[in-house]
Amino acid sequence: MTEKKEKKMYRKLIIIVSIFLVSCDSNIYYIDYNSIDGSWHKDSLQTYNFELNLNEKSSFTSYVNLRINEDYMFNNIFLIVTLRDSLNIISADTLEYKLADSYGKFLGKKRINIVENSLLHKENISLDNNKQYFVSIEHAMRVINKVGGLELLEGVVDVGFKIEKAK
């Protein structure tokens, strides 16, 4: 088996195990991942669509889930996250997240050679029942002394989005 096939099999196994573990948590109302395969192009929007089917109005917390490997060369990441419904943009934010400490050690949950971070997006947001929502996530990374964004962001394996009931 080639190394590329082994990596794809490994990623699929991680996603299956993650889904199994998440399915045990009743507070999660939506979660989905897009596979990046290690190199995220600056023009590649990661998109997610969801609808909440609840009996009562609730507050929610949203997260960007990010899986990176040892090829990721930064200690942070800048993301542009847009949340909208069918008519309006609810929020559009450029957010910075710290992914490594001052010594360069990655933060988050480490599993073999993948580090997973659940990055807070919004707290206590009110989302309506039976309404379609759309999320887009793009990276906004730059290299010092270079004009324009970084064309390819190496080391990103998966980008996900999660909605859970506020605690």
C-alpha atoms as a PDB file:
ATOM      1  CA  MET A   1       0.000   0.000   0.000  1.00  0.00           C
ATOM      2  CA  THR A   2       1.390   3.418  -0.907  1.00  0.00           C
ATOM      3  CA  GLU A   3       2.003   6.081   1.686  1.00  0.00           C
ATOM      4  CA  LYS A   4      -0.671   8.346   0.138  1.00  0.00           C
ATOM      5  CA  LYS A   5      -3.318   5.600   0.385  1.00  0.00           C
ATOM      6  CA  GLU A   6      -2.304   4.915   3.990  1.00  0.00           C
ATOM      7  CA  LYS A   7      -2.719   8.600   4.867  1.00  0.00           C
ATOM      8  CA  LYS A   8      -6.171   8.734   3.246  1.00  0.00           C
ATOM      9  CA  MET A   9      -7.222   5.582   5.098  1.00  0.00           C
ATOM     10  CA  TYR A  10      -5.895   7.053   8.351  1.00  0.00           C
ATOM     11  CA  ARG A  11      -7.859  10.305   7.826  1.00  0.00           C
ATOM     12  CA  LYS A  12     -11.050   8.399   7.101  1.00  0.00           C
ATOM     13  CA  LEU A  13     -10.539   6.332  10.251  1.00  0.00           C
ATOM     14  CA  ILE A  14     -10.044   9.494  12.341  1.00  0.00           C
ATOM     15  CA  ILE A  15     -13.235  11.042  10.917  1.00  0.00           C
ATOM     16  CA  ILE A  16     -15.247   7.878  11.619  1.00  0.00           C
ATOM     17  CA  VAL A  17     -13.941   7.658  15.190  1.00  0.00           C
ATOM     18  CA  SER A  18     -14.611  11.399  15.710  1.00  0.00           C
ATOM     19  CA  ILE A  19     -18.181  11.045  14.480  1.00  0.00           C
ATOM     20  CA  PHE A  20     -18.701   8.097  16.812  1.00  0.00           C
ATOM     21  CA  LEU A  21     -17.340  10.032  19.796  1.00  0.00           C
ATOM     22  CA  VAL A  22     -19.340  13.150  18.938  1.00  0.00           C
ATOM     23  CA  SER A  23     -22.550  11.190  18.486  1.00  0.00           C
ATOM     24  CA  CYS A  24     -22.392  10.423  22.214  1.00  0.00           C
ATOM     25  CA  ASP A  25     -22.618  14.151  23.049  1.00  0.00           C
ATOM     26  CA  SER A  26     -26.260  15.279  22.987  1.00  0.00           C
ATOM     27  CA  ASN A  27     -25.321  18.986  23.146  1.00  0.00           C
ATOM     28  CA  ILE A  28     -23.928  18.958  19.607  1.00  0.00           C
ATOM     29  CA  TYR A  29     -26.543  19.912  17.029  1.00  0.00           C
ATOM     30  CA  TYR A  30     -24.317  20.118  13.972  1.00  0.00           C
ATOM     31  CA  ILE A  31     -20.770  19.098  13.081  1.00  0.00           C
ATOM     32  CA  ASP A  32     -19.098  18.595   9.726  1.00  0.00           C
ATOM     33  CA  TYR A  33     -15.555  18.478   8.380  1.00  0.00           C
ATOM     34  CA  ASN A  34     -13.999  19.214   5.007  1.00  0.00           C
ATOM     35  CA  SER A  35     -10.756  17.435   4.175  1.00  0.00           C
ATOM     36  CA  ILE A  36      -7.999  19.774   2.996  1.00  0.00           C
ATOM     37  CA  ASP A  37      -5.352  17.076   2.335  1.00  0.00           C
ATOM     38  CA  GLY A  38      -2.526  19.138   3.823  1.00  0.00           C
ATOM     39  CA  SER A  39      -2.568  22.250   1.626  1.00  0.00           C
ATOM     40  CA  TRP A  40      -5.303  24.907   1.907  1.00  0.00           C
ATOM     41  CA  HIS A  41      -5.456  27.282  -1.076  1.00  0.00           C
ATOM     42  CA  LYS A  42      -6.251  30.915  -0.217  1.00  0.00           C
ATOM     43  CA  ASP A  43      -9.254  30.921  -2.590  1.00  0.00           C
ATOM     44  CA  SER A  44     -10.707  27.661  -1.258  1.00  0.00           C
ATOM     45  CA  LEU A  45     -13.788  28.482   0.805  1.00  0.00           C
ATOM     46  CA  GLN A  46     -14.831  25.776   3.233  1.00  0.00           C
ATOM     47  CA  THR A  47     -18.629  25.792   3.310  1.00  0.00           C
ATOM     48  CA  TYR A  48     -21.192  24.246   5.648  1.00  0.00           C
ATOM     49  CA  ASN A  49     -25.005  24.248   5.591  1.00  0.00           C
ATOM     50  CA  PHE A  50     -27.228  23.319   8.500  1.00  0.00           C
ATOM     51  CA  GLU A  51     -30.743  23.610   9.844  1.00  0.00           C
ATOM     52  CA  LEU A  52     -31.776  23.269  13.468  1.00  0.00           C
ATOM     53  CA  ASN A  53     -34.874  21.267  14.324  1.00  0.00           C
ATOM     54  CA  LEU A  54     -35.790  22.059  17.904  1.00  0.00           C
ATOM     55  CA  ASN A  55     -38.936  22.356  19.941  1.00  0.00           C
ATOM     56  CA  GLU A  56     -37.787  25.426  21.866  1.00  0.00           C
ATOM     57  CA  LYS A  57     -35.675  28.490  21.148  1.00  0.00           C
ATOM     58  CA  SER A  58     -32.140  28.078  22.472  1.00  0.00           C
ATOM     59  CA  SER A  59     -28.782  29.801  22.552  1.00  0.00           C
ATOM     60  CA  PHE A  60     -25.850  28.175  20.835  1.00  0.00           C
ATOM     61  CA  THR A  61     -22.072  28.247  20.750  1.00  0.00           C
ATOM     62  CA  SER A  62     -20.236  27.752  17.469  1.00  0.00           C
ATOM     63  CA  TYR A  63     -16.706  26.489  16.870  1.00  0.00           C
ATOM     64  CA  VAL A  64     -14.249  26.171  14.029  1.00  0.00           C
ATOM     65  CA  ASN A  65     -12.571  22.781  14.303  1.00  0.00           C
ATOM     66  CA  LEU A  66      -9.104  22.640  12.826  1.00  0.00           C
ATOM     67  CA  ARG A  67      -6.830  19.643  12.366  1.00  0.00           C
ATOM     68  CA  ILE A  68      -3.199  20.356  11.540  1.00  0.00           C
ATOM     69  CA  ASN A  69      -0.064  18.262  11.189  1.00  0.00           C
ATOM     70  CA  GLU A  70       3.657  18.855  11.735  1.00  0.00           C
ATOM     71  CA  ASP A  71       3.922  20.650   8.354  1.00  0.00           C
ATOM     72  CA  TYR A  72       2.036  23.655   9.776  1.00  0.00           C
ATOM     73  CA  MET A  73       4.712  26.350  10.162  1.00  0.00           C
ATOM     74  CA  PHE A  74       2.915  29.104  12.076  1.00  0.00           C
ATOM     75  CA  ASN A  75       1.975  29.561  15.738  1.00  0.00           C
ATOM     76  CA  ASN A  76      -1.383  31.128  14.821  1.00  0.00           C
ATOM     77  CA  ILE A  77      -4.012  31.264  12.112  1.00  0.00           C
ATOM     78  CA  PHE A  78      -6.229  34.031  10.766  1.00  0.00           C
ATOM     79  CA  LEU A  79      -9.652  32.933   9.542  1.00  0.00           C
ATOM     80  CA  ILE A  80     -12.528  34.789   7.923  1.00  0.00           C
ATOM     81  CA  VAL A  81     -15.762  33.193   9.124  1.00  0.00           C
ATOM     82  CA  THR A  82     -19.121  34.245   7.691  1.00  0.00           C
ATOM     83  CA  LEU A  83     -22.451  33.038   9.084  1.00  0.00           C
ATOM     84  CA  ARG A  84     -25.625  33.860   7.179  1.00  0.00           C
ATOM     85  CA  ASP A  85     -29.175  32.706   6.692  1.00  0.00           C
ATOM     86  CA  SER A  86     -31.048  32.709   3.379  1.00  0.00           C
ATOM     87  CA  LEU A  87     -31.575  36.498   3.514  1.00  0.00           C
ATOM     88  CA  ASN A  88     -28.971  38.162   5.744  1.00  0.00           C
ATOM     89  CA  ILE A  89     -25.381  37.988   6.875  1.00  0.00           C
ATOM     90  CA  ILE A  90     -25.558  37.350  10.613  1.00  0.00           C
ATOM     91  CA  SER A  91     -21.832  37.809  11.223  1.00  0.00           C
ATOM     92  CA  ALA A  92     -18.632  38.181   9.226  1.00  0.00           C
ATOM     93  CA  ASP A  93     -15.477  38.096  11.331  1.00  0.00           C
ATOM     94  CA  THR A  94     -11.745  37.977  10.795  1.00  0.00           C
ATOM     95  CA  LEU A  95     -10.448  35.977  13.738  1.00  0.00           C
ATOM     96  CA  GLU A  96      -6.988  35.102  14.988  1.00  0.00           C
ATOM     97  CA  TYR A  97      -6.396  31.882  16.890  1.00  0.00           C
ATOM     98  CA  LYS A  98      -3.254  30.825  18.703  1.00  0.00           C
ATOM     99  CA  LEU A  99      -2.201  27.292  17.701  1.00  0.00           C
ATOM    100  CA  ALA A 100       1.193  26.991  19.435  1.00  0.00           C
ATOM    101  CA  ASP A 101       2.822  28.219  22.627  1.00  0.00           C
ATOM    102  CA  SER A 102       5.892  30.477  22.769  1.00  0.00           C
ATOM    103  CA  TYR A 103       8.148  27.414  22.461  1.00  0.00           C
ATOM    104  CA  GLY A 104       6.460  26.257  19.251  1.00  0.00           C
ATOM    105  CA  LYS A 105       4.600  23.346  20.855  1.00  0.00           C
ATOM    106  CA  PHE A 106       1.166  22.919  19.288  1.00  0.00           C
ATOM    107  CA  LEU A 107      -1.869  23.492  21.506  1.00  0.00           C
ATOM    108  CA  GLY A 108      -4.920  21.254  21.248  1.00  0.00           C
ATOM    109  CA  LYS A 109      -5.484  17.513  21.380  1.00  0.00           C
ATOM    110  CA  LYS A 110      -2.655  15.561  19.820  1.00  0.00           C
ATOM    111  CA  ARG A 111      -3.464  12.244  18.160  1.00  0.00           C
ATOM    112  CA  ILE A 112      -0.458  10.541  16.576  1.00  0.00           C
ATOM    113  CA  ASN A 113       0.737  13.230  14.103  1.00  0.00           C
ATOM    114  CA  ILE A 114      -2.489  15.301  13.999  1.00  0.00           C
ATOM    115  CA  VAL A 115      -3.355  18.138  16.391  1.00  0.00           C
ATOM    116  CA  GLU A 116      -7.030  19.027  16.752  1.00  0.00           C
ATOM    117  CA  ASN A 117      -8.247  22.418  17.944  1.00  0.00           C
ATOM    118  CA  SER A 118     -11.822  23.432  18.671  1.00  0.00           C
ATOM    119  CA  LEU A 119     -11.690  27.207  18.261  1.00  0.00           C
ATOM    120  CA  LEU A 120     -14.489  29.325  19.690  1.00  0.00           C
ATOM    121  CA  HIS A 121     -16.348  31.261  17.011  1.00  0.00           C
ATOM    122  CA  LYS A 122     -19.475  32.698  18.688  1.00  0.00           C
ATOM    123  CA  GLU A 123     -21.028  32.368  22.154  1.00  0.00           C
ATOM    124  CA  ASN A 124     -24.714  32.618  23.001  1.00  0.00           C
ATOM    125  CA  ILE A 125     -25.929  33.135  19.466  1.00  0.00           C
ATOM    126  CA  SER A 126     -29.634  32.861  18.859  1.00  0.00           C
ATOM    127  CA  LEU A 127     -30.551  30.716  15.853  1.00  0.00           C
ATOM    128  CA  ASP A 128     -34.089  30.121  14.680  1.00  0.00           C
ATOM    129  CA  ASN A 129     -35.771  26.761  14.396  1.00  0.00           C
ATOM    130  CA  ASN A 130     -36.287  25.273  10.904  1.00  0.00           C
ATOM    131  CA  LYS A 131     -34.183  27.927   9.206  1.00  0.00           C
ATOM    132  CA  GLN A 132     -31.330  27.171   6.790  1.00  0.00           C
ATOM    133  CA  TYR A 133     -27.897  28.556   7.760  1.00  0.00           C
ATOM    134  CA  PHE A 134     -24.729  28.809   5.702  1.00  0.00           C
ATOM    135  CA  VAL A 135     -21.147  29.133   6.967  1.00  0.00           C
ATOM    136  CA  SER A 136     -18.010  29.866   4.971  1.00  0.00           C
ATOM    137  CA  ILE A 137     -14.454  29.737   6.311  1.00  0.00           C
ATOM    138  CA  GLU A 138     -11.324  30.893   4.534  1.00  0.00           C
ATOM    139  CA  HIS A 139      -7.797  31.427   5.760  1.00  0.00           C
ATOM    140  CA  ALA A 140      -6.269  34.906   5.692  1.00  0.00           C
ATOM    141  CA  MET A 141      -2.638  34.041   6.385  1.00  0.00           C
ATOM    142  CA  ARG A 142       0.161  36.335   5.236  1.00  0.00           C
ATOM    143  CA  VAL A 143       3.933  36.052   5.175  1.00  0.00           C
ATOM    144  CA  ILE A 144       5.904  38.966   6.632  1.00  0.00           C
ATOM    145  CA  ASN A 145       7.255  41.391   3.999  1.00  0.00           C
ATOM    146  CA  LYS A 146       5.154  39.848   1.198  1.00  0.00           C
ATOM    147  CA  VAL A 147       2.219  41.496  -0.528  1.00  0.00           C
ATOM    148  CA  GLY A 148      -1.011  39.527  -0.736  1.00  0.00           C
ATOM    149  CA  GLY A 149      -2.112  36.405   1.051  1.00  0.00           C
ATOM    150  CA  LEU A 150      -0.256  33.141   1.377  1.00  0.00           C
ATOM    151  CA  GLU A 151      -1.206  31.101  -1.714  1.00  0.00           C
ATOM    152  CA  LEU A 152      -1.036  27.664  -0.048  1.00  0.00           C
ATOM    153  CA  LEU A 153      -1.254  27.097   3.692  1.00  0.00           C
ATOM    154  CA  GLU A 154       0.604  23.840   4.321  1.00  0.00           C
ATOM    155  CA  GLY A 155      -0.173  21.506   7.193  1.00  0.00           C
ATOM    156  CA  VAL A 156      -3.963  21.892   7.407  1.00  0.00           C
ATOM    157  CA  VAL A 157      -5.614  18.476   7.244  1.00  0.00           C
ATOM    158  CA  ASP A 158      -9.308  19.185   8.003  1.00  0.00           C
ATOM    159  CA  VAL A 159     -11.497  22.211   8.656  1.00  0.00           C
ATOM    160  CA  GLY A 160     -14.779  21.734  10.472  1.00  0.00           C
ATOM    161  CA  PHE A 161     -17.661  23.673  11.918  1.00  0.00           C
ATOM    162  CA  LYS A 162     -19.657  22.758  15.038  1.00  0.00           C
ATOM    163  CA  ILE A 163     -22.816  24.101  16.683  1.00  0.00           C
ATOM    164  CA  GLU A 164     -23.703  23.059  20.223  1.00  0.00           C
ATOM    165  CA  LYS A 165     -26.290  24.138  22.744  1.00  0.00           C
ATOM    166  CA  ALA A 166     -24.938  26.847  25.051  1.00  0.00           C
ATOM    167  CA  LYS A 167     -24.230  25.650  28.578  1.00  0.00           C
END
